[in-house]
Protein backbone atom coordinates (compact mmCIF):
# COMPACT_ATOMS: atom_id res chain seq x y z
CA MET A 1 20.72 -0.79 0.98
CA THR A 2 20.21 -0.86 -2.75
CA PRO A 3 17.84 1.91 -3.89
CA ALA A 4 14.47 0.90 -5.28
CA PRO A 5 14.37 1.12 -9.10
CA ASP A 6 12.44 3.82 -10.91
CA ILE A 7 8.87 2.95 -11.86
CA ASP A 8 7.68 3.07 -15.47
CA GLU A 9 6.44 6.27 -17.03
CA PRO A 10 2.67 6.56 -17.53
CA THR A 11 1.04 5.70 -20.82
CA ASN A 12 -1.50 8.52 -20.44
CA GLU A 13 -1.85 11.71 -18.47
CA VAL A 14 -4.69 11.70 -15.97
CA THR A 15 -5.89 14.17 -13.41
CA ILE A 16 -6.74 13.01 -9.91
CA GLY A 17 -7.18 14.46 -6.46
CA LEU A 18 -5.26 13.14 -3.45
CA ARG A 19 -6.19 13.41 0.22
CA ARG A 20 -5.81 11.69 3.55
CA MET A 21 -8.71 9.34 4.17
CA ILE A 22 -11.80 11.07 5.54
CA PRO A 23 -14.66 9.35 7.42
CA GLN A 24 -16.76 9.16 4.24
CA ASP A 25 -14.01 7.09 2.55
CA ARG A 26 -13.67 4.49 5.28
CA ASP A 27 -16.47 2.09 4.30
CA TYR A 28 -15.22 1.98 0.71
CA VAL A 29 -11.62 1.37 1.80
CA VAL A 30 -12.51 -1.42 4.25
CA ALA A 31 -14.86 -3.19 1.83
CA THR A 32 -12.48 -2.92 -1.13
CA TRP A 33 -9.50 -4.11 0.89
CA LEU A 34 -11.38 -7.16 2.22
CA GLU A 35 -13.00 -8.14 -1.07
CA ASN A 36 -9.89 -7.57 -3.17
CA TYR A 37 -7.61 -9.50 -0.84
CA ARG A 38 -10.08 -12.37 -0.49
CA CYS A 39 -10.27 -12.76 -4.28
CA ASN A 40 -6.57 -12.27 -5.05
CA SER A 41 -4.71 -13.93 -2.19
CA ASP A 42 -4.29 -17.70 -2.13
CA TRP A 43 -3.78 -17.48 1.62
CA ALA A 44 -7.09 -15.64 2.14
CA ARG A 45 -9.03 -17.83 -0.33
CA ASN A 46 -8.06 -20.99 1.55
CA MET A 47 -9.40 -19.64 4.83
CA ASP A 48 -12.89 -20.28 6.21
CA VAL A 49 -15.15 -17.46 5.04
CA GLN A 50 -16.42 -16.54 8.49
CA VAL A 51 -12.95 -16.63 10.00
CA TYR A 52 -11.58 -14.40 7.24
CA TRP A 53 -14.31 -11.75 7.28
CA HIS A 54 -14.32 -11.45 11.06
CA SER A 55 -10.59 -11.61 11.75
CA HIS A 56 -9.22 -9.75 8.76
CA GLN A 57 -11.80 -7.00 9.11
CA THR A 58 -10.52 -6.42 12.63
CA MET A 59 -6.95 -6.32 11.33
CA VAL A 60 -7.78 -3.93 8.49
CA LYS A 61 -9.63 -1.49 10.74
CA GLY A 62 -6.74 -1.54 13.20
CA LEU A 63 -4.21 -0.78 10.47
CA LEU A 64 -6.38 2.10 9.20
CA ASP A 65 -6.62 3.50 12.73
CA ARG A 66 -2.86 3.42 13.32
CA HIS A 67 -1.42 4.31 9.94
CA THR A 68 -1.76 6.86 7.16
CA THR A 69 -4.22 6.17 4.34
CA VAL A 70 -4.02 8.21 1.13
CA VAL A 71 -7.09 8.26 -1.12
CA ALA A 72 -7.13 9.11 -4.82
CA TYR A 73 -10.41 10.59 -5.98
CA ASP A 74 -12.12 12.02 -9.04
CA PRO A 75 -11.71 15.84 -9.00
CA SER A 76 -15.07 16.21 -10.72
CA ASP A 77 -16.78 14.33 -7.90
CA ALA A 78 -14.78 13.97 -4.70
CA ARG A 79 -17.14 11.22 -3.52
CA ILE A 80 -15.72 8.83 -6.13
CA CYS A 81 -12.66 7.02 -4.81
CA LEU A 82 -10.24 5.84 -7.50
CA GLY A 83 -7.87 4.06 -5.14
CA PHE A 84 -6.22 4.07 -1.74
CA LEU A 85 -2.93 3.24 -0.06
CA CYS A 86 -2.44 2.47 3.63
CA GLY A 87 1.08 2.71 5.04
CA ASP A 88 3.74 4.94 6.51
CA LEU A 89 7.12 6.38 5.61
CA TYR A 90 10.04 5.55 7.93
CA PRO A 91 13.70 6.63 7.84
CA SER A 92 14.84 3.37 6.24
CA ALA A 93 11.85 2.35 4.10
CA ALA A 94 8.22 2.91 3.17
CA VAL A 95 5.87 0.28 4.59
CA VAL A 96 2.69 -0.32 2.58
CA HIS A 97 0.01 -2.44 4.22
CA TYR A 98 -2.29 -2.38 1.22
CA ALA A 99 -2.90 -0.44 -1.98
CA SER A 100 -5.65 -0.77 -4.55
CA VAL A 101 -6.68 1.11 -7.68
CA ARG A 102 -9.96 0.70 -9.59
CA HIS A 103 -9.55 -1.68 -12.52
CA GLY A 104 -10.33 0.93 -15.16
CA MET A 105 -7.69 3.29 -13.77
CA ARG A 106 -4.77 0.87 -13.38
CA GLY A 107 -1.62 1.56 -15.31
CA GLU A 108 -2.08 5.33 -15.05
CA GLY A 109 0.42 5.87 -12.22
CA ILE A 110 -2.11 6.38 -9.44
CA GLY A 111 -0.25 3.95 -7.17
CA ARG A 112 2.96 5.94 -7.51
CA ALA A 113 1.12 9.22 -6.97
CA MET A 114 -0.29 7.92 -3.67
CA LEU A 115 3.16 6.73 -2.59
CA GLU A 116 4.62 10.15 -3.37
CA HIS A 117 1.81 11.84 -1.45
CA LEU A 118 2.88 9.69 1.51
CA GLY A 119 6.37 11.17 1.15
CA TRP A 120 8.05 8.33 -0.76
CA LEU A 121 10.96 9.05 -3.12
CA PRO A 122 12.24 6.65 -5.83
CA HIS A 123 15.44 5.78 -3.91
CA VAL A 124 13.50 4.64 -0.80
CA PRO A 125 12.92 0.85 -0.51
CA ILE A 126 9.34 -0.36 -0.11
CA LEU A 127 8.12 -3.14 2.18
CA ALA A 128 4.65 -4.64 1.62
CA THR A 129 2.73 -6.63 4.24
CA HIS A 130 0.05 -8.06 1.90
CA PHE A 131 0.67 -10.09 -1.26
CA THR A 132 -1.79 -10.85 -4.07
CA ARG A 133 -1.77 -12.40 -7.53
CA ASP A 134 -1.98 -8.90 -9.03
CA ALA A 135 1.01 -7.98 -6.90
CA ARG A 136 3.02 -10.89 -8.32
CA ARG A 137 2.56 -9.51 -11.84
CA VAL A 138 3.58 -5.97 -10.93
CA GLY A 139 6.49 -7.22 -8.84
CA ARG A 140 8.75 -7.78 -11.83
CA LYS A 141 9.04 -4.01 -12.14
CA ARG A 142 8.73 -2.75 -8.58
CA HIS A 143 10.83 -5.30 -6.68
CA VAL A 144 9.15 -4.47 -3.41
CA LEU A 145 10.09 -6.71 -0.50
CA TYR A 146 7.19 -8.73 0.93
CA ASN A 147 7.33 -8.87 4.74
CA PRO A 148 4.03 -9.84 6.43
CA TYR A 149 5.72 -10.08 9.83
CA LEU A 150 5.63 -6.30 10.12
CA ILE A 151 1.88 -6.68 10.76
CA PHE A 152 2.57 -8.85 13.81
CA LYS A 153 4.98 -6.25 15.14
CA ASP A 154 2.32 -3.62 14.58
CA PHE A 155 -0.33 -5.48 16.58
CA VAL A 156 2.02 -6.41 19.40
CA GLY A 157 2.78 -2.71 19.76
CA ALA A 158 -0.93 -1.87 19.75
CA LEU A 159 -1.66 -4.43 22.45
CA ASN A 160 1.11 -2.91 24.54
CA GLY A 161 -0.54 0.48 24.23
CA ARG A 162 1.82 2.09 21.76
CA THR A 163 1.76 2.79 18.04
CA THR A 164 4.37 1.57 15.59
CA ARG A 165 4.32 4.82 13.68
CA GLY A 166 7.37 6.99 14.08
CA ALA A 167 11.13 6.79 13.82
CA GLU A 168 11.53 4.78 17.03
CA GLU A 169 9.53 1.94 15.46
CA ALA A 170 10.86 2.23 11.92
CA PRO A 171 12.01 -0.93 10.17
CA SER A 172 15.73 -1.41 10.69
CA ASP A 173 18.12 -1.97 7.81
CA ALA A 174 18.07 -5.64 8.74
CA SER A 175 14.29 -5.84 8.37
CA VAL A 176 14.52 -4.43 4.87
CA GLY A 177 16.45 -7.59 4.05
CA ARG A 178 19.31 -8.55 1.81
CA ARG A 179 20.49 -6.33 -1.01
CA ARG A 180 17.93 -6.50 -3.76
CA LYS A 181 20.28 -8.15 -6.23
CA ASN A 182 20.50 -11.08 -3.81
CA VAL A 183 16.77 -11.34 -3.07
CA LYS A 184 15.23 -14.38 -4.72
CA ARG A 185 12.29 -13.70 -7.03
CA LYS A 186 9.96 -15.82 -4.92
CA ASP A 187 10.72 -13.66 -1.88
CA ARG A 188 9.73 -10.41 -3.55
CA GLY A 189 6.34 -8.82 -2.93
CA VAL A 190 4.67 -5.77 -4.39
CA LEU A 191 1.77 -3.39 -4.26
CA ALA A 192 -1.54 -4.43 -5.80
CA VAL A 193 -1.72 -1.43 -8.14
CA GLY A 194 -0.74 -0.48 -11.66
CA THR A 195 2.70 0.83 -12.53
CA GLY A 196 3.77 4.24 -13.74
CA SER A 197 4.07 7.79 -12.57
CA ILE A 198 1.37 10.40 -12.86
CA LYS A 199 0.90 13.98 -13.90
CA ASP A 200 -1.51 15.51 -11.42
CA GLU A 201 -2.80 18.86 -12.68
CA GLY A 202 -4.61 19.70 -9.46
CA GLU A 203 -3.37 20.54 -6.01
CA PRO A 204 -3.81 17.80 -3.38
CA ALA A 205 -6.89 18.29 -1.26
CA ALA A 206 -6.38 19.89 2.12
CA GLU A 207 -5.73 17.31 4.82
């Protein structure tokens, strides 16, 4: 597999805290995920409102229950969430189900910081299961492969009474797809966050 390219350097240095999602974060994460995706996904916008809010809420809560969610927060007030990323790191790739950063904080490298907190390294390919208009813009730099079918695999595993987290359920090299130089632009998907790395002056919060 072709390694994922490096992500741009930050334009400013910011200080954030990072932690695994705690119960107090959950309502914010669910609401932000649903509202952001509804507004920024052509697929979601074309769906009946009631169908979307009922069905996608069930999907989002299931993904949060079965996968790791990293939350970025304001060190001066840990109740203020600056962003979140739901996904997992596997031997062959990082799978990101959704990521979002507050509008005023985008471009500061918070997305990359959350990925690194998950265990991601720059040479590890990234697969994303949600695609938005914001993601299309960032995709020119990240070249993350969009693969929504990983969600179906996730829910089939859940219905069968097993989780998809872990090496035995990691995406195979084939699921990562063709070498990136051969992947058509229209097939590429990305995270819905700003680009850049981050200088985090504080230690991550205890998990």
